[in-house]
Amino acid sequence: MISQQELNEKIRKFIQKDATTLKSLADFHFEDSMIKLPMETKDGKIFEATFCYGYKRKQFLAALSVQIGCPSRCKFCQLGEKGLIRNLTDDELMDQLNLVLKTAYKRNYPIFTTPLKLTYVMGGEPLANNYIVKTLRRVKEDIPLKLKISTIFPQSVLANGTFKEIVEIAKDYPNIFQFQISLNSTDEKYRQSLCTIPLANFKEIRQAAECWFKNVPNPRKINLTFTISEETPLDPDDIIDILPPSMFAVRLRPWVPTKRGERYGLKKIMDSKFKQAKKKFEDAGYCYIPGAAGEVEYDFKLAPGEILKIYPMIKNGGKQNDS
């Protein structure tokens, strides 16, 4: 395991480099808790990254995108409006991390004294980007931060192959390496109905978890995340036999309203119903990981994709941009 001193030296060296494939012309700073960074590629496309505090402000999260747009086109997510535009390359993915950390440092976030976690959770699907494996190898060598891969787990040859290569990287990764699956519902049919690409079924997810636990030293439980609205079927009894608490932890996150989701008839979950769902999972024996959106996120509607509607209008004097 890498020491904090060694990691700090790598972070300093990393942020001294200049990004060559991306530029970040502006960042949106919300109180002292979150930075939203739209970024531009050389071909004029824009995507977003986020830097924020994690749970109880014990660590910082560098939440990055892996694609411009997203192939899954989830009904609740604004990134689904245009689908997948293209993958981000490994050079772009590394420059994205560089710009996020550099911006946080310039804004006086104590990135050398507070733990940092790199999480690919913002935009796009990691298992559908054939550059992600090369990127993770570079991260492992250049700046091995605590790391989490978050996936909806597509049902495809590419996704399965990428997952196996990620397992190989995780075997001797010199820091904590976590894996997270966006399950979104305990009902398989409803889960599939939320997006437009075929998804791994619960049996296949169990097989992936068994592979993870067999090969990764001292593995942490795989997180099952649920972005839930009022309509979401959610009953731990539906999954407990195949996705058991011994292998999986649970994170519930209330859906932050988006225009796309509202068009599909989704409604914000009531607080009482959310608390009932949380209790059901805890009573079933699942380790519950807090993941509720904060007040800033609700007040400014900061679901993924929303800031990308604002940035082009500011840059172009109020005119829309189709990038």
Protein backbone atom coordinates (compact mmCIF):
# COMPACT_ATOMS: atom_id res chain seq x y z
CA MET A 1 0.00 0.00 0.00
CA ILE A 2 1.39 3.38 -1.00
CA SER A 3 2.21 5.80 1.84
CA GLN A 4 0.60 9.23 2.02
CA GLN A 5 4.00 10.86 1.59
CA GLU A 6 4.68 8.90 -1.60
CA LEU A 7 1.21 9.67 -2.90
CA ASN A 8 1.56 13.40 -2.19
CA GLU A 9 4.79 13.48 -4.17
CA LYS A 10 3.03 11.86 -7.10
CA ILE A 11 0.11 14.30 -6.83
CA ARG A 12 2.46 17.30 -6.86
CA LYS A 13 4.30 15.97 -9.88
CA PHE A 14 1.04 15.17 -11.65
CA ILE A 15 -0.60 18.59 -11.26
CA GLN A 16 2.55 20.35 -12.42
CA LYS A 17 1.94 18.93 -15.88
CA ASP A 18 -0.03 20.89 -18.46
CA ALA A 19 -3.16 19.42 -19.97
CA THR A 20 -2.73 19.15 -23.74
CA THR A 21 -5.99 17.55 -24.93
CA LEU A 22 -8.57 19.48 -22.89
CA LYS A 23 -9.26 22.96 -21.62
CA SER A 24 -11.39 24.20 -18.76
CA LEU A 25 -12.37 27.82 -19.26
CA ALA A 26 -14.62 28.18 -16.22
CA ASP A 27 -15.63 26.36 -13.08
CA PHE A 28 -18.74 26.70 -10.95
CA HIS A 29 -18.05 26.82 -7.24
CA PHE A 30 -20.91 26.10 -4.82
CA GLU A 31 -20.18 27.26 -1.27
CA ASP A 32 -17.15 25.35 0.00
CA SER A 33 -18.48 21.94 -0.88
CA MET A 34 -18.49 21.43 -4.64
CA ILE A 35 -16.82 22.49 -7.88
CA LYS A 36 -18.47 21.71 -11.22
CA LEU A 37 -16.02 21.81 -14.13
CA PRO A 38 -17.23 21.82 -17.73
CA MET A 39 -14.39 20.81 -20.02
CA GLU A 40 -13.85 21.17 -23.74
CA THR A 41 -12.15 18.75 -26.09
CA LYS A 42 -10.14 19.75 -29.14
CA ASP A 43 -13.08 18.79 -31.37
CA GLY A 44 -15.35 21.19 -29.48
CA LYS A 45 -17.31 18.74 -27.35
CA ILE A 46 -18.09 19.47 -23.72
CA PHE A 47 -18.51 17.23 -20.70
CA GLU A 48 -18.32 17.69 -16.95
CA ALA A 49 -16.36 16.65 -13.90
CA THR A 50 -16.99 17.35 -10.21
CA PHE A 51 -14.79 17.88 -7.18
CA CYS A 52 -16.54 17.68 -3.82
CA TYR A 53 -16.41 16.47 -0.25
CA GLY A 54 -17.45 12.90 0.42
CA TYR A 55 -19.60 11.64 3.26
CA LYS A 56 -19.08 13.61 6.51
CA ARG A 57 -16.37 15.63 4.74
CA LYS A 58 -13.75 13.01 5.55
CA GLN A 59 -12.36 12.87 2.01
CA PHE A 60 -12.53 14.58 -1.37
CA LEU A 61 -14.04 12.99 -4.44
CA ALA A 62 -12.80 13.65 -7.95
CA ALA A 63 -15.87 12.45 -9.88
CA LEU A 64 -14.96 12.09 -13.55
CA SER A 65 -16.67 11.33 -16.84
CA VAL A 66 -15.50 8.54 -19.13
CA GLN A 67 -17.53 9.44 -22.22
CA ILE A 68 -19.14 12.43 -23.89
CA GLY A 69 -22.79 11.63 -23.50
CA CYS A 70 -23.85 8.17 -22.39
CA PRO A 71 -24.97 5.03 -24.23
CA SER A 72 -27.40 3.77 -21.58
CA ARG A 73 -29.72 6.80 -21.95
CA CYS A 74 -31.31 6.27 -18.52
CA LYS A 75 -34.73 7.85 -18.25
CA PHE A 76 -33.88 9.71 -15.06
CA CYS A 77 -30.59 11.23 -16.29
CA GLN A 78 -30.19 14.36 -18.41
CA LEU A 79 -27.12 12.86 -20.13
CA GLY A 80 -29.51 10.50 -21.90
CA GLU A 81 -30.87 13.27 -24.11
CA LYS A 82 -28.22 12.92 -26.82
CA GLY A 83 -26.95 9.42 -26.19
CA LEU A 84 -23.32 8.55 -26.71
CA ILE A 85 -21.23 11.02 -28.71
CA ARG A 86 -17.83 9.38 -28.22
CA ASN A 87 -15.39 7.88 -25.77
CA LEU A 88 -12.85 9.99 -23.95
CA THR A 89 -9.33 8.77 -24.75
CA ASP A 90 -6.79 7.84 -22.09
CA ASP A 91 -4.96 11.14 -22.69
CA GLU A 92 -8.21 13.05 -22.20
CA LEU A 93 -9.08 11.04 -19.10
CA MET A 94 -5.72 11.78 -17.54
CA ASP A 95 -5.96 15.47 -18.47
CA GLN A 96 -9.43 15.58 -16.90
CA LEU A 97 -8.01 14.38 -13.59
CA ASN A 98 -5.16 16.87 -13.92
CA LEU A 99 -7.51 19.80 -14.44
CA VAL A 100 -9.83 18.77 -11.60
CA LEU A 101 -7.03 18.47 -9.05
CA LYS A 102 -5.30 21.60 -10.31
CA THR A 103 -8.52 23.61 -9.98
CA ALA A 104 -9.20 22.29 -6.49
CA TYR A 105 -5.64 23.17 -5.42
CA LYS A 106 -5.97 26.70 -6.83
CA ARG A 107 -9.21 27.10 -4.89
CA ASN A 108 -7.33 26.21 -1.70
CA TYR A 109 -8.84 22.80 -1.06
CA PRO A 110 -6.37 20.90 1.16
CA ILE A 111 -5.74 18.07 -1.28
CA PHE A 112 -2.45 17.07 0.37
CA THR A 113 -3.84 16.68 3.88
CA THR A 114 -7.29 15.25 3.13
CA PRO A 115 -7.72 11.80 1.53
CA LEU A 116 -8.59 11.84 -2.16
CA LYS A 117 -10.73 9.33 -4.04
CA LEU A 118 -10.93 9.10 -7.81
CA THR A 119 -14.33 7.86 -8.95
CA TYR A 120 -15.52 7.30 -12.51
CA VAL A 121 -19.15 8.05 -11.85
CA MET A 122 -20.08 11.30 -13.58
CA GLY A 123 -20.82 10.79 -17.27
CA GLY A 124 -20.75 7.70 -19.47
CA GLU A 125 -20.21 4.00 -18.92
CA PRO A 126 -16.70 2.82 -17.95
CA LEU A 127 -17.17 -0.75 -19.17
CA ALA A 128 -18.16 0.57 -22.62
CA ASN A 129 -15.02 2.69 -23.10
CA ASN A 130 -12.13 0.72 -24.57
CA TYR A 131 -9.67 3.37 -23.28
CA ILE A 132 -10.51 2.86 -19.60
CA VAL A 133 -8.12 -0.06 -19.04
CA LYS A 134 -5.14 1.86 -20.42
CA THR A 135 -6.18 4.84 -18.30
CA LEU A 136 -6.32 2.77 -15.11
CA ARG A 137 -2.85 1.41 -15.79
CA ARG A 138 -1.58 4.98 -16.11
CA VAL A 139 -3.35 6.02 -12.90
CA LYS A 140 -1.80 3.03 -11.14
CA GLU A 141 1.66 4.16 -12.22
CA ASP A 142 1.38 7.97 -12.05
CA ILE A 143 -1.12 8.83 -9.32
CA PRO A 144 -2.63 5.79 -7.53
CA LEU A 145 -5.42 7.49 -5.61
CA LYS A 146 -8.12 5.54 -3.86
CA LEU A 147 -10.25 4.42 -6.78
CA LYS A 148 -13.83 3.44 -7.53
CA ILE A 149 -15.34 2.26 -10.81
CA SER A 150 -19.09 2.77 -11.11
CA THR A 151 -21.00 0.93 -13.83
CA ILE A 152 -24.53 0.05 -14.83
CA PHE A 153 -22.94 -3.19 -16.11
CA PRO A 154 -23.98 -3.56 -19.76
CA GLN A 155 -24.57 -7.05 -21.10
CA SER A 156 -21.90 -7.16 -23.81
CA VAL A 157 -18.65 -8.83 -24.81
CA LEU A 158 -16.81 -5.50 -24.40
CA ALA A 159 -18.18 -4.95 -20.88
CA ASN A 160 -17.28 -8.47 -19.74
CA GLY A 161 -13.78 -8.23 -21.20
CA THR A 162 -13.18 -4.80 -19.69
CA PHE A 163 -14.36 -5.99 -16.29
CA LYS A 164 -11.90 -8.90 -16.35
CA GLU A 165 -9.03 -6.54 -17.22
CA ILE A 166 -10.06 -4.21 -14.38
CA VAL A 167 -9.93 -7.18 -12.01
CA GLU A 168 -6.36 -7.83 -13.14
CA ILE A 169 -5.40 -4.21 -12.40
CA ALA A 170 -7.11 -4.34 -9.00
CA LYS A 171 -5.11 -7.43 -7.99
CA ASP A 172 -2.02 -5.40 -7.14
CA TYR A 173 -3.29 -1.83 -7.15
CA PRO A 174 -1.31 0.01 -4.42
CA ASN A 175 -4.35 1.65 -2.84
CA ILE A 176 -8.02 0.92 -2.11
CA PHE A 177 -9.91 -0.18 -5.24
CA GLN A 178 -13.71 -0.36 -5.11
CA PHE A 179 -16.37 -1.51 -7.54
CA GLN A 180 -19.90 -0.12 -7.72
CA ILE A 181 -22.92 -1.23 -9.74
CA SER A 182 -25.92 1.00 -10.45
CA LEU A 183 -28.75 -1.45 -9.86
CA ASN A 184 -31.45 1.24 -9.53
CA SER A 185 -34.22 -1.27 -8.75
CA THR A 186 -34.64 -4.72 -7.23
CA ASP A 187 -37.01 -5.56 -10.10
CA GLU A 188 -35.03 -6.72 -13.15
CA LYS A 189 -37.67 -5.74 -15.69
CA TYR A 190 -38.05 -2.26 -14.27
CA ARG A 191 -34.27 -1.85 -14.08
CA GLN A 192 -33.95 -2.74 -17.75
CA SER A 193 -36.83 -0.43 -18.69
CA LEU A 194 -34.88 2.57 -17.38
CA CYS A 195 -32.28 2.42 -20.16
CA THR A 196 -31.89 1.50 -23.82
CA ILE A 197 -28.95 -0.94 -23.77
CA PRO A 198 -29.09 -4.58 -22.60
CA LEU A 199 -28.01 -4.93 -18.98
CA ALA A 200 -26.41 -7.82 -17.15
CA ASN A 201 -29.03 -9.76 -15.21
CA PHE A 202 -28.75 -10.39 -11.49
CA LYS A 203 -27.21 -13.84 -12.02
CA GLU A 204 -24.48 -12.32 -14.21
CA ILE A 205 -23.85 -9.61 -11.62
CA ARG A 206 -23.44 -12.32 -8.98
CA GLN A 207 -20.90 -14.09 -11.20
CA ALA A 208 -18.95 -10.85 -11.61
CA ALA A 209 -18.95 -10.37 -7.82
CA GLU A 210 -17.64 -13.90 -7.31
CA CYS A 211 -14.82 -13.15 -9.77
CA TRP A 212 -14.02 -9.94 -7.86
CA PHE A 213 -13.91 -11.65 -4.46
CA LYS A 214 -11.86 -14.55 -5.77
CA ASN A 215 -9.14 -12.43 -7.39
CA VAL A 216 -8.88 -9.09 -5.56
CA PRO A 217 -6.96 -9.19 -2.25
CA ASN A 218 -8.93 -8.00 0.79
CA PRO A 219 -11.88 -6.87 -1.35
CA ARG A 220 -14.45 -4.47 -0.05
CA LYS A 221 -18.09 -5.29 -0.59
CA ILE A 222 -19.40 -4.23 -3.99
CA ASN A 223 -21.73 -1.25 -3.72
CA LEU A 224 -25.20 -1.59 -5.20
CA THR A 225 -26.49 1.92 -5.83
CA PHE A 226 -30.09 2.88 -6.36
CA THR A 227 -31.17 6.22 -7.81
CA ILE A 228 -34.76 6.07 -6.71
CA SER A 229 -37.92 7.97 -7.54
CA GLU A 230 -41.43 7.54 -6.13
CA GLU A 231 -42.13 4.82 -8.71
CA THR A 232 -39.04 2.65 -8.14
CA PRO A 233 -39.76 -1.00 -7.15
CA LEU A 234 -37.49 -1.57 -4.16
CA ASP A 235 -37.66 -4.69 -2.00
CA PRO A 236 -34.51 -6.36 -0.61
CA ASP A 237 -36.32 -9.72 -0.52
CA ASP A 238 -36.20 -9.71 -4.34
CA ILE A 239 -32.38 -9.78 -4.45
CA ILE A 240 -31.12 -11.06 -1.10
CA ASP A 241 -30.65 -14.68 -2.22
CA ILE A 242 -28.65 -13.85 -5.36
CA LEU A 243 -27.01 -10.55 -4.31
CA PRO A 244 -26.48 -11.21 -0.59
CA PRO A 245 -25.34 -8.81 2.16
CA SER A 246 -22.16 -10.86 2.57
CA MET A 247 -20.96 -9.61 -0.85
CA PHE A 248 -22.86 -6.38 -1.44
CA ALA A 249 -23.45 -3.11 0.38
CA VAL A 250 -26.29 -0.75 -0.52
CA ARG A 251 -26.38 2.95 -1.32
CA LEU A 252 -29.74 4.66 -1.82
CA ARG A 253 -29.84 8.03 -3.52
CA PRO A 254 -33.03 10.03 -4.11
CA TRP A 255 -33.43 11.07 -7.73
CA VAL A 256 -32.52 14.73 -8.34
CA PRO A 257 -35.29 15.89 -10.73
CA THR A 258 -34.39 16.45 -14.38
CA LYS A 259 -36.58 17.55 -17.27
CA ARG A 260 -35.88 14.25 -19.00
CA GLY A 261 -37.07 12.27 -16.01
CA GLU A 262 -40.15 14.43 -15.60
CA ARG A 263 -41.07 13.76 -19.24
CA TYR A 264 -41.07 10.06 -18.39
CA GLY A 265 -43.39 10.72 -15.47
CA LEU A 266 -40.87 10.25 -12.67
CA LYS A 267 -41.56 11.94 -9.35
CA LYS A 268 -39.29 12.81 -6.46
CA ILE A 269 -39.50 10.22 -3.69
CA MET A 270 -41.09 11.30 -0.44
CA ASP A 271 -38.76 11.46 2.55
CA SER A 272 -40.90 9.00 4.51
CA LYS A 273 -40.78 6.42 1.72
CA PHE A 274 -37.01 6.85 1.36
CA LYS A 275 -36.51 6.23 5.08
CA GLN A 276 -38.73 3.12 4.89
CA ALA A 277 -36.62 1.74 2.02
CA LYS A 278 -33.42 2.39 3.96
CA LYS A 279 -34.80 0.55 7.01
CA LYS A 280 -35.84 -2.45 4.90
CA PHE A 281 -32.32 -2.91 3.56
CA GLU A 282 -30.77 -2.49 7.00
CA ASP A 283 -33.25 -4.95 8.52
CA ALA A 284 -32.34 -7.41 5.75
CA GLY A 285 -28.69 -7.23 6.88
CA TYR A 286 -27.21 -4.98 4.21
CA CYS A 287 -24.48 -2.53 5.12
CA TYR A 288 -26.02 0.84 4.27
CA ILE A 289 -23.73 3.49 2.79
CA PRO A 290 -25.13 7.03 3.02
CA GLY A 291 -25.44 8.61 -0.41
CA ALA A 292 -28.19 11.19 -0.23
CA ALA A 293 -27.83 14.28 -2.38
CA GLY A 294 -27.01 17.45 -0.47
CA GLU A 295 -29.01 20.65 -0.24
CA VAL A 296 -26.74 22.40 -2.75
CA GLU A 297 -27.35 19.63 -5.28
CA TYR A 298 -31.12 19.93 -4.90
CA ASP A 299 -31.23 23.72 -4.77
CA PHE A 300 -29.25 24.11 -7.99
CA LYS A 301 -30.48 20.90 -9.70
CA LEU A 302 -26.95 19.59 -10.12
CA ALA A 303 -27.75 16.16 -11.52
CA PRO A 304 -25.22 15.04 -14.17
CA GLY A 305 -25.74 16.92 -17.41
CA GLU A 306 -27.54 19.92 -15.97
CA ILE A 307 -24.48 22.19 -15.77
CA LEU A 308 -23.78 21.45 -19.44
CA LYS A 309 -26.95 23.34 -20.37
CA ILE A 310 -25.74 26.44 -18.55
CA TYR A 311 -22.09 26.62 -19.60
CA PRO A 312 -22.61 27.00 -23.40
CA MET A 313 -25.22 29.70 -22.86
CA ILE A 314 -22.82 31.74 -20.72
CA LYS A 315 -19.97 31.24 -23.16
CA ASN A 316 -22.07 32.13 -26.20
CA GLY A 317 -23.87 35.12 -24.77
CA GLY A 318 -27.13 33.35 -24.02
CA LYS A 319 -27.29 31.32 -27.22
CA GLN A 320 -27.70 27.56 -27.14
CA ASN A 321 -24.88 25.30 -28.33
CA ASP A 322 -25.40 21.75 -29.55
CA SER A 323 -21.97 20.42 -28.46
